[in-house]
Amino acid sequence: MENRQELEEEEEEEVHEPNPNDVRDNGKLKIEHHYVDSPAEAQRLIAKLHRKGFVETGIYTPAVDSNYNKN
C-alpha cells in the first residue's frame, strides 16, 4: 500500500512540473539567438521556432519585410 501511495505522489508531482520549453508555462521569457546566412533560412528558422511555441517579437528580415528600417 505504501508503494502505491508513493507512486501516486510521484505522478502528481510530474503533472505539476512546468515544461522548460514552453514559454507560457514558467512565467519567464526564453530567448534564443541564431545566426543565418539568408532570408530564406531565416524564414525557415522562424517557422520552426513558432512550431516550438516561441513567439515573434521584433524579428525582421530585410529582404522580406518591405518596411524594415522605414520610420
PDB file of N, CA and C in Angstrom:
ATOM      1  N   MET A   1       0.827  -1.195   0.000  1.00  0.00           N
ATOM      2  CA  MET A   1       0.000   0.000   0.000  1.00  0.00           C
ATOM      3  C   MET A   1       0.866   1.251   0.000  1.00  0.00           C
ATOM      4  N   GLU A   2       1.942   1.211   0.759  1.00  0.00           N
ATOM      5  CA  GLU A   2       2.820   2.370   0.859  1.00  0.00           C
ATOM      6  C   GLU A   2       3.472   2.687  -0.496  1.00  0.00           C
ATOM      7  N   ASN A   3       3.875   1.664  -1.231  1.00  0.00           N
ATOM      8  CA  ASN A   3       4.485   1.874  -2.538  1.00  0.00           C
ATOM      9  C   ASN A   3       3.505   2.494  -3.522  1.00  0.00           C
ATOM     10  N   ARG A   4       2.253   2.088  -3.450  1.00  0.00           N
ATOM     11  CA  ARG A   4       1.240   2.640  -4.349  1.00  0.00           C
ATOM     12  C   ARG A   4       1.051   4.127  -4.073  1.00  0.00           C
ATOM     13  N   GLN A   5       1.023   4.496  -2.813  1.00  0.00           N
ATOM     14  CA  GLN A   5       0.857   5.901  -2.452  1.00  0.00           C
ATOM     15  C   GLN A   5       2.058   6.724  -2.945  1.00  0.00           C
ATOM     16  N   GLU A   6       3.252   6.178  -2.810  1.00  0.00           N
ATOM     17  CA  GLU A   6       4.443   6.874  -3.288  1.00  0.00           C
ATOM     18  C   GLU A   6       4.378   7.081  -4.796  1.00  0.00           C
ATOM     19  N   LEU A   7       3.937   6.068  -5.530  1.00  0.00           N
ATOM     20  CA  LEU A   7       3.811   6.188  -6.980  1.00  0.00           C
ATOM     21  C   LEU A   7       2.796   7.255  -7.356  1.00  0.00           C
ATOM     22  N   GLU A   8       1.663   7.286  -6.657  1.00  0.00           N
ATOM     23  CA  GLU A   8       0.640   8.287  -6.941  1.00  0.00           C
ATOM     24  C   GLU A   8       1.168   9.691  -6.670  1.00  0.00           C
ATOM     25  N   GLU A   9       1.934   9.853  -5.589  1.00  0.00           N
ATOM     26  CA  GLU A   9       2.508  11.159  -5.277  1.00  0.00           C
ATOM     27  C   GLU A   9       3.508  11.586  -6.347  1.00  0.00           C
ATOM     28  N   GLU A  10       4.322  10.645  -6.838  1.00  0.00           N
ATOM     29  CA  GLU A  10       5.282  10.962  -7.894  1.00  0.00           C
ATOM     30  C   GLU A  10       4.562  11.380  -9.165  1.00  0.00           C
ATOM     31  N   GLU A  11       3.463  10.682  -9.510  1.00  0.00           N
ATOM     32  CA  GLU A  11       2.699  11.034 -10.698  1.00  0.00           C
ATOM     33  C   GLU A  11       2.123  12.434 -10.570  1.00  0.00           C
ATOM     34  N   GLU A  12       1.607  12.779  -9.391  1.00  0.00           N
ATOM     35  CA  GLU A  12       1.056  14.107  -9.179  1.00  0.00           C
ATOM     36  C   GLU A  12       2.130  15.172  -9.344  1.00  0.00           C
ATOM     37  N   GLU A  13       3.330  14.918  -8.826  1.00  0.00           N
ATOM     38  CA  GLU A  13       4.421  15.876  -8.952  1.00  0.00           C
ATOM     39  C   GLU A  13       4.782  16.101 -10.412  1.00  0.00           C
ATOM     40  N   GLU A  14       4.813  15.048 -11.204  1.00  0.00           N
ATOM     41  CA  GLU A  14       5.167  15.171 -12.612  1.00  0.00           C
ATOM     42  C   GLU A  14       4.157  16.022 -13.365  1.00  0.00           C
ATOM     43  N   VAL A  15       2.902  15.920 -13.022  1.00  0.00           N
ATOM     44  CA  VAL A  15       1.856  16.670 -13.710  1.00  0.00           C
ATOM     45  C   VAL A  15       2.035  18.167 -13.496  1.00  0.00           C
ATOM     46  N   HIS A  16       2.497  18.574 -12.319  1.00  0.00           N
ATOM     47  CA  HIS A  16       2.588  19.989 -11.981  1.00  0.00           C
ATOM     48  C   HIS A  16       3.902  20.639 -12.390  1.00  0.00           C
ATOM     49  N   GLU A  17       4.875  19.869 -12.847  1.00  0.00           N
ATOM     50  CA  GLU A  17       6.149  20.447 -13.250  1.00  0.00           C
ATOM     51  C   GLU A  17       5.985  21.158 -14.586  1.00  0.00           C
ATOM     52  N   PRO A  18       6.429  22.413 -14.682  1.00  0.00           N
ATOM     53  CA  PRO A  18       6.315  23.124 -15.955  1.00  0.00           C
ATOM     54  C   PRO A  18       7.301  22.583 -16.982  1.00  0.00           C
ATOM     55  N   ASN A  19       6.910  22.644 -18.224  1.00  0.00           N
ATOM     56  CA  ASN A  19       7.776  22.239 -19.316  1.00  0.00           C
ATOM     57  C   ASN A  19       8.737  23.394 -19.595  1.00  0.00           C
ATOM     58  N   PRO A  20      10.056  23.197 -19.450  1.00  0.00           N
ATOM     59  CA  PRO A  20      11.002  24.300 -19.638  1.00  0.00           C
ATOM     60  C   PRO A  20      11.020  24.848 -21.060  1.00  0.00           C
ATOM     61  N   ASN A  21      10.500  24.096 -22.029  1.00  0.00           N
ATOM     62  CA  ASN A  21      10.464  24.561 -23.414  1.00  0.00           C
ATOM     63  C   ASN A  21       9.212  25.359 -23.734  1.00  0.00           C
ATOM     64  N   ASP A  22       8.261  25.388 -22.831  1.00  0.00           N
ATOM     65  CA  ASP A  22       7.016  26.117 -23.067  1.00  0.00           C
ATOM     66  C   ASP A  22       7.134  27.489 -22.416  1.00  0.00           C
ATOM     67  N   VAL A  23       7.273  28.523 -23.215  1.00  0.00           N
ATOM     68  CA  VAL A  23       7.493  29.863 -22.673  1.00  0.00           C
ATOM     69  C   VAL A  23       6.275  30.385 -21.923  1.00  0.00           C
ATOM     70  N   ARG A  24       5.120  29.816 -22.134  1.00  0.00           N
ATOM     71  CA  ARG A  24       3.913  30.294 -21.474  1.00  0.00           C
ATOM     72  C   ARG A  24       3.701  29.671 -20.102  1.00  0.00           C
ATOM     73  N   ASP A  25       4.353  28.555 -19.820  1.00  0.00           N
ATOM     74  CA  ASP A  25       4.122  27.838 -18.571  1.00  0.00           C
ATOM     75  C   ASP A  25       4.914  28.368 -17.387  1.00  0.00           C
ATOM     76  N   ASN A  26       6.151  28.773 -17.599  1.00  0.00           N
ATOM     77  CA  ASN A  26       7.015  29.049 -16.463  1.00  0.00           C
ATOM     78  C   ASN A  26       7.067  30.513 -16.054  1.00  0.00           C
ATOM     79  N   GLY A  27       6.343  31.389 -16.715  1.00  0.00           N
ATOM     80  CA  GLY A  27       6.314  32.786 -16.327  1.00  0.00           C
ATOM     81  C   GLY A  27       7.579  33.548 -16.674  1.00  0.00           C
ATOM     82  N   LYS A  28       8.494  32.936 -17.385  1.00  0.00           N
ATOM     83  CA  LYS A  28       9.737  33.596 -17.775  1.00  0.00           C
ATOM     84  C   LYS A  28       9.817  33.643 -19.289  1.00  0.00           C
ATOM     85  N   LEU A  29      10.574  34.575 -19.776  1.00  0.00           N
ATOM     86  CA  LEU A  29      10.766  34.704 -21.212  1.00  0.00           C
ATOM     87  C   LEU A  29      12.033  33.971 -21.613  1.00  0.00           C
ATOM     88  N   LYS A  30      11.909  33.027 -22.520  1.00  0.00           N
ATOM     89  CA  LYS A  30      13.066  32.279 -23.007  1.00  0.00           C
ATOM     90  C   LYS A  30      13.453  32.863 -24.363  1.00  0.00           C
ATOM     91  N   ILE A  31      14.691  33.284 -24.473  1.00  0.00           N
ATOM     92  CA  ILE A  31      15.162  33.908 -25.703  1.00  0.00           C
ATOM     93  C   ILE A  31      16.274  33.051 -26.281  1.00  0.00           C
ATOM     94  N   GLU A  32      16.206  32.844 -27.585  1.00  0.00           N
ATOM     95  CA  GLU A  32      17.262  32.113 -28.274  1.00  0.00           C
ATOM     96  C   GLU A  32      17.847  33.006 -29.355  1.00  0.00           C
ATOM     97  N   HIS A  33      19.156  32.909 -29.547  1.00  0.00           N
ATOM     98  CA  HIS A  33      19.841  33.670 -30.587  1.00  0.00           C
ATOM     99  C   HIS A  33      20.326  32.706 -31.655  1.00  0.00           C
ATOM    100  N   HIS A  34      20.069  33.056 -32.890  1.00  0.00           N
ATOM    101  CA  HIS A  34      20.501  32.228 -34.011  1.00  0.00           C
ATOM    102  C   HIS A  34      21.083  33.134 -35.087  1.00  0.00           C
ATOM    103  N   TYR A  35      22.015  32.615 -35.835  1.00  0.00           N
ATOM    104  CA  TYR A  35      22.584  33.336 -36.961  1.00  0.00           C
ATOM    105  C   TYR A  35      22.289  32.533 -38.218  1.00  0.00           C
ATOM    106  N   VAL A  36      21.833  33.231 -39.257  1.00  0.00           N
ATOM    107  CA  VAL A  36      21.504  32.562 -40.514  1.00  0.00           C
ATOM    108  C   VAL A  36      22.191  33.299 -41.661  1.00  0.00           C
ATOM    109  N   ASP A  37      22.319  32.619 -42.790  1.00  0.00           N
ATOM    110  CA  ASP A  37      23.035  33.175 -43.939  1.00  0.00           C
ATOM    111  C   ASP A  37      22.137  33.761 -45.013  1.00  0.00           C
ATOM    112  N   SER A  38      20.834  33.526 -44.926  1.00  0.00           N
ATOM    113  CA  SER A  38      19.955  34.025 -45.981  1.00  0.00           C
ATOM    114  C   SER A  38      18.564  34.304 -45.426  1.00  0.00           C
ATOM    115  N   PRO A  39      17.810  35.171 -46.103  1.00  0.00           N
ATOM    116  CA  PRO A  39      16.428  35.431 -45.673  1.00  0.00           C
ATOM    117  C   PRO A  39      15.559  34.171 -45.694  1.00  0.00           C
ATOM    118  N   ALA A  40      15.796  33.295 -46.657  1.00  0.00           N
ATOM    119  CA  ALA A  40      15.013  32.054 -46.727  1.00  0.00           C
ATOM    120  C   ALA A  40      15.292  31.178 -45.509  1.00  0.00           C
ATOM    121  N   GLU A  41      16.562  31.107 -45.125  1.00  0.00           N
ATOM    122  CA  GLU A  41      16.924  30.324 -43.944  1.00  0.00           C
ATOM    123  C   GLU A  41      16.320  30.953 -42.689  1.00  0.00           C
ATOM    124  N   ALA A  42      16.277  32.282 -42.647  1.00  0.00           N
ATOM    125  CA  ALA A  42      15.660  32.980 -41.512  1.00  0.00           C
ATOM    126  C   ALA A  42      14.180  32.639 -41.411  1.00  0.00           C
ATOM    127  N   GLN A  43      13.489  32.626 -42.532  1.00  0.00           N
ATOM    128  CA  GLN A  43      12.064  32.300 -42.524  1.00  0.00           C
ATOM    129  C   GLN A  43      11.825  30.871 -42.051  1.00  0.00           C
ATOM    130  N   ARG A  44      12.667  29.932 -42.476  1.00  0.00           N
ATOM    131  CA  ARG A  44      12.531  28.537 -42.021  1.00  0.00           C
ATOM    132  C   ARG A  44      12.763  28.441 -40.515  1.00  0.00           C
ATOM    133  N   LEU A  45      13.772  29.159 -40.021  1.00  0.00           N
ATOM    134  CA  LEU A  45      14.068  29.135 -38.593  1.00  0.00           C
ATOM    135  C   LEU A  45      12.922  29.740 -37.790  1.00  0.00           C
ATOM    136  N   ILE A  46      12.382  30.864 -38.255  1.00  0.00           N
ATOM    137  CA  ILE A  46      11.257  31.497 -37.562  1.00  0.00           C
ATOM    138  C   ILE A  46      10.065  30.549 -37.509  1.00  0.00           C
ATOM    139  N   ALA A  47       9.760  29.879 -38.611  1.00  0.00           N
ATOM    140  CA  ALA A  47       8.645  28.924 -38.637  1.00  0.00           C
ATOM    141  C   ALA A  47       8.899  27.776 -37.664  1.00  0.00           C
ATOM    142  N   LYS A  48      10.131  27.289 -37.616  1.00  0.00           N
ATOM    143  CA  LYS A  48      10.481  26.195 -36.701  1.00  0.00           C
ATOM    144  C   LYS A  48      10.296  26.634 -35.253  1.00  0.00           C
ATOM    145  N   LEU A  49      10.740  27.847 -34.917  1.00  0.00           N
ATOM    146  CA  LEU A  49      10.590  28.349 -33.554  1.00  0.00           C
ATOM    147  C   LEU A  49       9.124  28.564 -33.203  1.00  0.00           C
ATOM    148  N   HIS A  50       8.320  29.021 -34.165  1.00  0.00           N
ATOM    149  CA  HIS A  50       6.875  29.162 -33.920  1.00  0.00           C
ATOM    150  C   HIS A  50       6.259  27.813 -33.562  1.00  0.00           C
ATOM    151  N   ARG A  51       6.648  26.767 -34.290  1.00  0.00           N
ATOM    152  CA  ARG A  51       6.106  25.432 -34.003  1.00  0.00           C
ATOM    153  C   ARG A  51       6.500  24.959 -32.609  1.00  0.00           C
ATOM    154  N   LYS A  52       7.651  25.402 -32.107  1.00  0.00           N
ATOM    155  CA  LYS A  52       8.105  25.031 -30.764  1.00  0.00           C
ATOM    156  C   LYS A  52       7.415  25.848 -29.678  1.00  0.00           C
ATOM    157  N   GLY A  53       6.640  26.863 -30.073  1.00  0.00           N
ATOM    158  CA  GLY A  53       5.937  27.669 -29.086  1.00  0.00           C
ATOM    159  C   GLY A  53       6.544  29.036 -28.838  1.00  0.00           C
ATOM    160  N   PHE A  54       7.629  29.356 -29.530  1.00  0.00           N
ATOM    161  CA  PHE A  54       8.210  30.683 -29.384  1.00  0.00           C
ATOM    162  C   PHE A  54       7.326  31.694 -30.103  1.00  0.00           C
ATOM    163  N   VAL A  55       7.369  32.921 -29.644  1.00  0.00           N
ATOM    164  CA  VAL A  55       6.602  33.981 -30.287  1.00  0.00           C
ATOM    165  C   VAL A  55       7.571  34.964 -30.923  1.00  0.00           C
ATOM    166  N   GLU A  56       7.118  35.619 -31.960  1.00  0.00           N
ATOM    167  CA  GLU A  56       7.963  36.552 -32.691  1.00  0.00           C
ATOM    168  C   GLU A  56       7.742  37.963 -32.164  1.00  0.00           C
ATOM    169  N   THR A  57       8.805  38.598 -31.736  1.00  0.00           N
ATOM    170  CA  THR A  57       8.721  39.986 -31.287  1.00  0.00           C
ATOM    171  C   THR A  57       9.925  40.736 -31.815  1.00  0.00           C
ATOM    172  N   GLY A  58       9.698  41.629 -32.735  1.00  0.00           N
ATOM    173  CA  GLY A  58      10.778  42.453 -33.252  1.00  0.00           C
ATOM    174  C   GLY A  58      11.781  41.721 -34.117  1.00  0.00           C
ATOM    175  N   ILE A  59      11.358  40.679 -34.786  1.00  0.00           N
ATOM    176  CA  ILE A  59      12.250  39.953 -35.686  1.00  0.00           C
ATOM    177  C   ILE A  59      11.971  40.456 -37.099  1.00  0.00           C
ATOM    178  N   TYR A  60      12.995  40.945 -37.749  1.00  0.00           N
ATOM    179  CA  TYR A  60      12.821  41.472 -39.096  1.00  0.00           C
ATOM    180  C   TYR A  60      13.784  40.788 -40.051  1.00  0.00           C
ATOM    181  N   THR A  61      13.321  40.548 -41.251  1.00  0.00           N
ATOM    182  CA  THR A  61      14.178  40.016 -42.305  1.00  0.00           C
ATOM    183  C   THR A  61      14.150  41.037 -43.433  1.00  0.00           C
ATOM    184  N   PRO A  62      15.224  41.811 -43.613  1.00  0.00           N
ATOM    185  CA  PRO A  62      15.234  42.927 -44.557  1.00  0.00           C
ATOM    186  C   PRO A  62      14.794  42.574 -45.974  1.00  0.00           C
ATOM    187  N   ALA A  63      15.169  41.422 -46.474  1.00  0.00           N
ATOM    188  CA  ALA A  63      14.805  41.071 -47.846  1.00  0.00           C
ATOM    189  C   ALA A  63      13.326  40.732 -47.983  1.00  0.00           C
ATOM    190  N   VAL A  64      12.677  40.418 -46.880  1.00  0.00           N
ATOM    191  CA  VAL A  64      11.274  40.010 -46.923  1.00  0.00           C
ATOM    192  C   VAL A  64      10.362  41.126 -46.438  1.00  0.00           C
ATOM    193  N   ASP A  65      10.760  41.830 -45.366  1.00  0.00           N
ATOM    194  CA  ASP A  65       9.934  42.881 -44.777  1.00  0.00           C
ATOM    195  C   ASP A  65      10.205  44.205 -45.479  1.00  0.00           C
ATOM    196  N   SER A  66       9.261  44.670 -46.286  1.00  0.00           N
ATOM    197  CA  SER A  66       9.472  45.879 -47.075  1.00  0.00           C
ATOM    198  C   SER A  66       9.560  47.133 -46.212  1.00  0.00           C
ATOM    199  N   ASN A  67       9.021  47.121 -44.990  1.00  0.00           N
ATOM    200  CA  ASN A  67       9.053  48.294 -44.118  1.00  0.00           C
ATOM    201  C   ASN A  67      10.238  48.284 -43.163  1.00  0.00           C
ATOM    202  N   TYR A  68      11.163  47.390 -43.342  1.00  0.00           N
ATOM    203  CA  TYR A  68      12.332  47.302 -42.464  1.00  0.00           C
ATOM    204  C   TYR A  68      13.142  48.595 -42.549  1.00  0.00           C
ATOM    205  N   ASN A  69      13.481  49.158 -41.401  1.00  0.00           N
ATOM    206  CA  ASN A  69      14.246  50.404 -41.274  1.00  0.00           C
ATOM    207  C   ASN A  69      13.531  51.618 -41.844  1.00  0.00           C
ATOM    208  N   LYS A  70      12.255  51.549 -42.085  1.00  0.00           N
ATOM    209  CA  LYS A  70      11.487  52.716 -42.525  1.00  0.00           C
ATOM    210  C   LYS A  70      10.677  53.206 -41.346  1.00  0.00           C
ATOM    211  N   ASN A  71      10.847  54.459 -40.992  1.00  0.00           N
ATOM    212  CA  ASN A  71      10.102  55.030 -39.858  1.00  0.00           C
ATOM    213  C   ASN A  71       9.118  56.055 -40.321  1.00  0.00           C
TER     214      ASN A  71
END
